[in-house]
Amino acid sequence: MADDLVLDTAIRNWVLIPLSVVMVLIGVLRYFVSKLLRSSQTPDAKIVKEGQVMLRARNLRAAANFIPSKAFHSRKIYFCNEVCLLSVYCSFQKV
């Protein structure tokens, strides 16, 4: 049979352990650098809500031919009221 592979203690102490420590430190450094470079600003809730309403209204307009007219008109009224409520809500926030 083949002889067992034995790792020299000097190689372990002076090569593998420092190499492992350096790799862990590089991983930690990469994590913190990416955390610093990421934007930490949270978007304004009003802007997000208005954007979602606009997307839902656009999807309704695209699906207008596929849903019954009664359903389309009720959703259209809902979105019109939603936009009006958003504008009233925004005007109260500015005061």
N, C-alpha and C. Protein backbone atom coordinates (compact mmCIF):
# COMPACT_ATOMS: atom_id res chain seq x y z
N MET A 1 0.82 -1.18 0.00
CA MET A 1 0.00 0.00 0.00
C MET A 1 0.87 1.25 0.00
N ALA A 2 0.21 2.35 -0.30
CA ALA A 2 0.92 3.63 -0.34
C ALA A 2 1.10 4.16 1.07
N ASP A 3 2.16 4.91 1.23
CA ASP A 3 2.41 5.52 2.54
C ASP A 3 1.37 6.62 2.79
N ASP A 4 1.06 6.84 4.06
CA ASP A 4 0.12 7.90 4.43
C ASP A 4 0.74 9.27 4.15
N LEU A 5 -0.09 10.17 3.70
CA LEU A 5 0.36 11.53 3.44
C LEU A 5 0.34 12.30 4.74
N VAL A 6 1.48 12.83 5.13
CA VAL A 6 1.61 13.54 6.39
C VAL A 6 1.99 14.99 6.08
N LEU A 7 1.29 15.92 6.74
CA LEU A 7 1.55 17.34 6.55
C LEU A 7 2.60 17.78 7.56
N ASP A 8 3.63 18.41 7.05
CA ASP A 8 4.69 18.91 7.92
C ASP A 8 4.13 20.03 8.80
N THR A 9 4.48 20.05 10.06
CA THR A 9 3.95 21.06 10.98
C THR A 9 4.43 22.46 10.62
N ALA A 10 5.62 22.58 10.08
CA ALA A 10 6.12 23.91 9.69
C ALA A 10 5.29 24.47 8.54
N ILE A 11 4.94 23.62 7.58
CA ILE A 11 4.10 24.07 6.47
C ILE A 11 2.72 24.46 7.00
N ARG A 12 2.18 23.66 7.89
CA ARG A 12 0.86 23.97 8.45
C ARG A 12 0.89 25.30 9.19
N ASN A 13 1.91 25.51 10.01
CA ASN A 13 1.96 26.71 10.84
C ASN A 13 2.29 27.97 10.06
N TRP A 14 3.12 27.88 9.04
CA TRP A 14 3.60 29.07 8.35
C TRP A 14 2.93 29.32 7.00
N VAL A 15 2.16 28.36 6.50
CA VAL A 15 1.52 28.55 5.19
C VAL A 15 0.00 28.43 5.28
N LEU A 16 -0.50 27.31 5.73
CA LEU A 16 -1.94 27.06 5.68
C LEU A 16 -2.73 27.91 6.67
N ILE A 17 -2.26 28.06 7.88
CA ILE A 17 -2.99 28.86 8.87
C ILE A 17 -3.03 30.34 8.47
N PRO A 18 -1.89 30.96 8.11
CA PRO A 18 -1.97 32.36 7.67
C PRO A 18 -2.80 32.55 6.40
N LEU A 19 -2.73 31.58 5.49
CA LEU A 19 -3.53 31.66 4.27
C LEU A 19 -5.02 31.61 4.60
N SER A 20 -5.40 30.76 5.51
CA SER A 20 -6.81 30.67 5.93
C SER A 20 -7.26 31.96 6.60
N VAL A 21 -6.42 32.53 7.45
CA VAL A 21 -6.76 33.78 8.13
C VAL A 21 -6.92 34.91 7.11
N VAL A 22 -6.02 34.98 6.15
CA VAL A 22 -6.09 36.02 5.12
C VAL A 22 -7.37 35.88 4.30
N MET A 23 -7.75 34.67 3.95
CA MET A 23 -8.97 34.46 3.17
C MET A 23 -10.22 34.89 3.95
N VAL A 24 -10.26 34.60 5.25
CA VAL A 24 -11.39 35.03 6.07
C VAL A 24 -11.43 36.55 6.16
N LEU A 25 -10.28 37.19 6.36
CA LEU A 25 -10.24 38.65 6.44
C LEU A 25 -10.63 39.31 5.12
N ILE A 26 -10.27 38.71 4.00
CA ILE A 26 -10.67 39.24 2.70
C ILE A 26 -12.18 39.15 2.54
N GLY A 27 -12.77 38.05 2.98
CA GLY A 27 -14.23 37.92 2.93
C GLY A 27 -14.93 38.97 3.77
N VAL A 28 -14.42 39.23 4.97
CA VAL A 28 -15.00 40.25 5.84
C VAL A 28 -14.83 41.63 5.21
N LEU A 29 -13.67 41.91 4.65
CA LEU A 29 -13.42 43.19 4.00
C LEU A 29 -14.35 43.40 2.80
N ARG A 30 -14.54 42.36 1.99
CA ARG A 30 -15.45 42.47 0.85
C ARG A 30 -16.87 42.76 1.30
N TYR A 31 -17.30 42.14 2.40
CA TYR A 31 -18.64 42.37 2.92
C TYR A 31 -18.83 43.82 3.32
N PHE A 32 -17.87 44.38 4.07
CA PHE A 32 -18.03 45.75 4.54
C PHE A 32 -17.88 46.77 3.41
N VAL A 33 -17.03 46.50 2.43
CA VAL A 33 -16.90 47.41 1.29
C VAL A 33 -18.19 47.43 0.49
N SER A 34 -18.78 46.25 0.25
CA SER A 34 -20.04 46.23 -0.49
C SER A 34 -21.16 46.88 0.31
N LYS A 35 -21.11 46.77 1.63
CA LYS A 35 -22.12 47.42 2.48
C LYS A 35 -21.97 48.94 2.41
N LEU A 36 -20.75 49.44 2.35
CA LEU A 36 -20.53 50.88 2.25
C LEU A 36 -20.94 51.43 0.89
N LEU A 37 -20.74 50.65 -0.17
CA LEU A 37 -21.04 51.13 -1.51
C LEU A 37 -22.53 51.06 -1.84
N ARG A 38 -23.28 50.24 -1.12
CA ARG A 38 -24.72 50.13 -1.36
C ARG A 38 -25.41 51.40 -0.88
N SER A 39 -26.44 51.80 -1.60
CA SER A 39 -27.19 52.98 -1.16
C SER A 39 -28.10 52.57 -0.02
N SER A 40 -28.09 53.37 1.02
CA SER A 40 -28.89 53.06 2.20
C SER A 40 -30.13 53.93 2.28
N GLN A 41 -30.42 54.67 1.23
CA GLN A 41 -31.57 55.55 1.26
C GLN A 41 -32.83 54.73 0.99
N THR A 42 -33.82 54.92 1.84
CA THR A 42 -35.09 54.25 1.62
C THR A 42 -35.96 55.13 0.75
N PRO A 43 -36.65 54.54 -0.20
CA PRO A 43 -37.48 55.36 -1.07
C PRO A 43 -38.66 55.95 -0.31
N ASP A 44 -39.11 57.09 -0.78
CA ASP A 44 -40.24 57.77 -0.15
C ASP A 44 -41.50 56.93 -0.35
N ALA A 45 -42.27 56.76 0.72
CA ALA A 45 -43.46 55.90 0.67
C ALA A 45 -44.50 56.44 -0.31
N LYS A 46 -44.61 57.75 -0.40
CA LYS A 46 -45.58 58.35 -1.31
C LYS A 46 -45.24 58.02 -2.76
N ILE A 47 -43.98 58.12 -3.10
CA ILE A 47 -43.55 57.84 -4.46
C ILE A 47 -43.76 56.37 -4.81
N VAL A 48 -43.46 55.50 -3.86
CA VAL A 48 -43.64 54.07 -4.10
C VAL A 48 -45.12 53.74 -4.28
N LYS A 49 -45.97 54.31 -3.44
CA LYS A 49 -47.40 54.03 -3.54
C LYS A 49 -47.97 54.54 -4.86
N GLU A 50 -47.58 55.75 -5.26
CA GLU A 50 -48.05 56.28 -6.54
C GLU A 50 -47.57 55.42 -7.70
N GLY A 51 -46.33 54.97 -7.63
CA GLY A 51 -45.81 54.10 -8.68
C GLY A 51 -46.57 52.79 -8.77
N GLN A 52 -46.91 52.21 -7.62
CA GLN A 52 -47.67 50.97 -7.62
C GLN A 52 -49.08 51.18 -8.19
N VAL A 53 -49.71 52.30 -7.85
CA VAL A 53 -51.04 52.59 -8.40
C VAL A 53 -50.95 52.74 -9.91
N MET A 54 -49.92 53.42 -10.39
CA MET A 54 -49.78 53.61 -11.83
C MET A 54 -49.54 52.27 -12.53
N LEU A 55 -48.73 51.40 -11.94
CA LEU A 55 -48.50 50.08 -12.54
C LEU A 55 -49.79 49.26 -12.59
N ARG A 56 -50.55 49.29 -11.51
CA ARG A 56 -51.79 48.54 -11.48
C ARG A 56 -52.79 49.10 -12.50
N ALA A 57 -52.84 50.42 -12.63
CA ALA A 57 -53.73 51.02 -13.63
C ALA A 57 -53.29 50.67 -15.05
N ARG A 58 -51.98 50.64 -15.28
CA ARG A 58 -51.47 50.27 -16.60
C ARG A 58 -51.81 48.81 -16.92
N ASN A 59 -51.70 47.94 -15.91
CA ASN A 59 -52.07 46.54 -16.12
C ASN A 59 -53.56 46.40 -16.39
N LEU A 60 -54.37 47.21 -15.73
CA LEU A 60 -55.81 47.18 -15.99
C LEU A 60 -56.11 47.61 -17.42
N ARG A 61 -55.43 48.66 -17.87
CA ARG A 61 -55.65 49.13 -19.24
C ARG A 61 -55.22 48.07 -20.25
N ALA A 62 -54.13 47.35 -19.96
CA ALA A 62 -53.67 46.31 -20.87
C ALA A 62 -54.62 45.12 -20.89
N ALA A 63 -55.29 44.84 -19.77
CA ALA A 63 -56.19 43.69 -19.68
C ALA A 63 -57.64 44.07 -19.94
N ALA A 64 -57.89 45.24 -20.45
CA ALA A 64 -59.27 45.72 -20.63
C ALA A 64 -60.07 44.82 -21.57
N ASN A 65 -59.43 44.23 -22.55
CA ASN A 65 -60.14 43.38 -23.51
C ASN A 65 -60.42 41.98 -22.96
N PHE A 66 -59.78 41.62 -21.87
CA PHE A 66 -59.87 40.25 -21.37
C PHE A 66 -60.79 40.10 -20.17
N ILE A 67 -61.27 41.20 -19.60
CA ILE A 67 -62.16 41.12 -18.44
C ILE A 67 -63.52 41.71 -18.81
N PRO A 68 -64.56 41.33 -18.10
CA PRO A 68 -65.89 41.89 -18.41
C PRO A 68 -65.92 43.40 -18.22
N SER A 69 -66.79 44.05 -18.97
CA SER A 69 -66.84 45.52 -18.94
C SER A 69 -67.25 46.03 -17.57
N LYS A 70 -68.13 45.31 -16.87
CA LYS A 70 -68.54 45.74 -15.53
C LYS A 70 -67.35 45.71 -14.57
N ALA A 71 -66.54 44.67 -14.67
CA ALA A 71 -65.35 44.58 -13.82
C ALA A 71 -64.36 45.68 -14.17
N PHE A 72 -64.22 45.96 -15.47
CA PHE A 72 -63.30 47.02 -15.89
C PHE A 72 -63.74 48.37 -15.34
N HIS A 73 -65.02 48.68 -15.45
CA HIS A 73 -65.50 49.98 -14.98
C HIS A 73 -65.40 50.12 -13.46
N SER A 74 -65.67 49.04 -12.74
CA SER A 74 -65.54 49.14 -11.27
C SER A 74 -64.08 49.35 -10.87
N ARG A 75 -63.17 48.67 -11.56
CA ARG A 75 -61.75 48.86 -11.25
C ARG A 75 -61.28 50.25 -11.67
N LYS A 76 -61.80 50.73 -12.78
CA LYS A 76 -61.45 52.07 -13.25
C LYS A 76 -61.88 53.12 -12.22
N ILE A 77 -63.09 52.98 -11.70
CA ILE A 77 -63.57 53.91 -10.66
C ILE A 77 -62.69 53.82 -9.43
N TYR A 78 -62.30 52.59 -9.07
CA TYR A 78 -61.43 52.42 -7.90
C TYR A 78 -60.11 53.15 -8.10
N PHE A 79 -59.50 52.97 -9.26
CA PHE A 79 -58.20 53.61 -9.49
C PHE A 79 -58.34 55.13 -9.57
N CYS A 80 -59.42 55.62 -10.12
CA CYS A 80 -59.63 57.08 -10.14
C CYS A 80 -59.75 57.61 -8.72
N ASN A 81 -60.49 56.92 -7.87
CA ASN A 81 -60.60 57.34 -6.47
C ASN A 81 -59.27 57.21 -5.75
N GLU A 82 -58.52 56.17 -6.07
CA GLU A 82 -57.22 55.96 -5.43
C GLU A 82 -56.28 57.11 -5.76
N VAL A 83 -56.25 57.54 -7.01
CA VAL A 83 -55.38 58.65 -7.41
C VAL A 83 -55.84 59.93 -6.74
N CYS A 84 -57.15 60.15 -6.67
CA CYS A 84 -57.66 61.34 -5.99
C CYS A 84 -57.32 61.31 -4.51
N LEU A 85 -57.44 60.14 -3.89
CA LEU A 85 -57.09 60.03 -2.48
C LEU A 85 -55.61 60.27 -2.25
N LEU A 86 -54.78 59.79 -3.19
CA LEU A 86 -53.35 60.04 -3.05
C LEU A 86 -53.04 61.52 -3.12
N SER A 87 -53.68 62.24 -4.04
CA SER A 87 -53.39 63.67 -4.15
C SER A 87 -53.87 64.41 -2.91
N VAL A 88 -55.03 64.03 -2.35
CA VAL A 88 -55.51 64.66 -1.12
C VAL A 88 -54.58 64.33 0.03
N TYR A 89 -54.15 63.07 0.12
CA TYR A 89 -53.25 62.64 1.18
C TYR A 89 -51.93 63.41 1.10
N CYS A 90 -51.43 63.60 -0.12
CA CYS A 90 -50.17 64.32 -0.29
C CYS A 90 -50.33 65.79 0.09
N SER A 91 -51.48 66.37 -0.22
CA SER A 91 -51.66 67.78 0.14
C SER A 91 -51.76 67.94 1.65
N PHE A 92 -52.33 66.96 2.36
CA PHE A 92 -52.38 67.04 3.82
C PHE A 92 -51.00 66.84 4.43
N GLN A 93 -50.15 66.04 3.78
CA GLN A 93 -48.81 65.82 4.32
C GLN A 93 -47.96 67.08 4.22
N LYS A 94 -48.17 67.88 3.21
CA LYS A 94 -47.35 69.08 3.03
C LYS A 94 -47.68 70.16 4.05
N VAL A 95 -48.89 70.12 4.60
CA VAL A 95 -49.32 71.16 5.56
C VAL A 95 -48.66 70.99 6.87
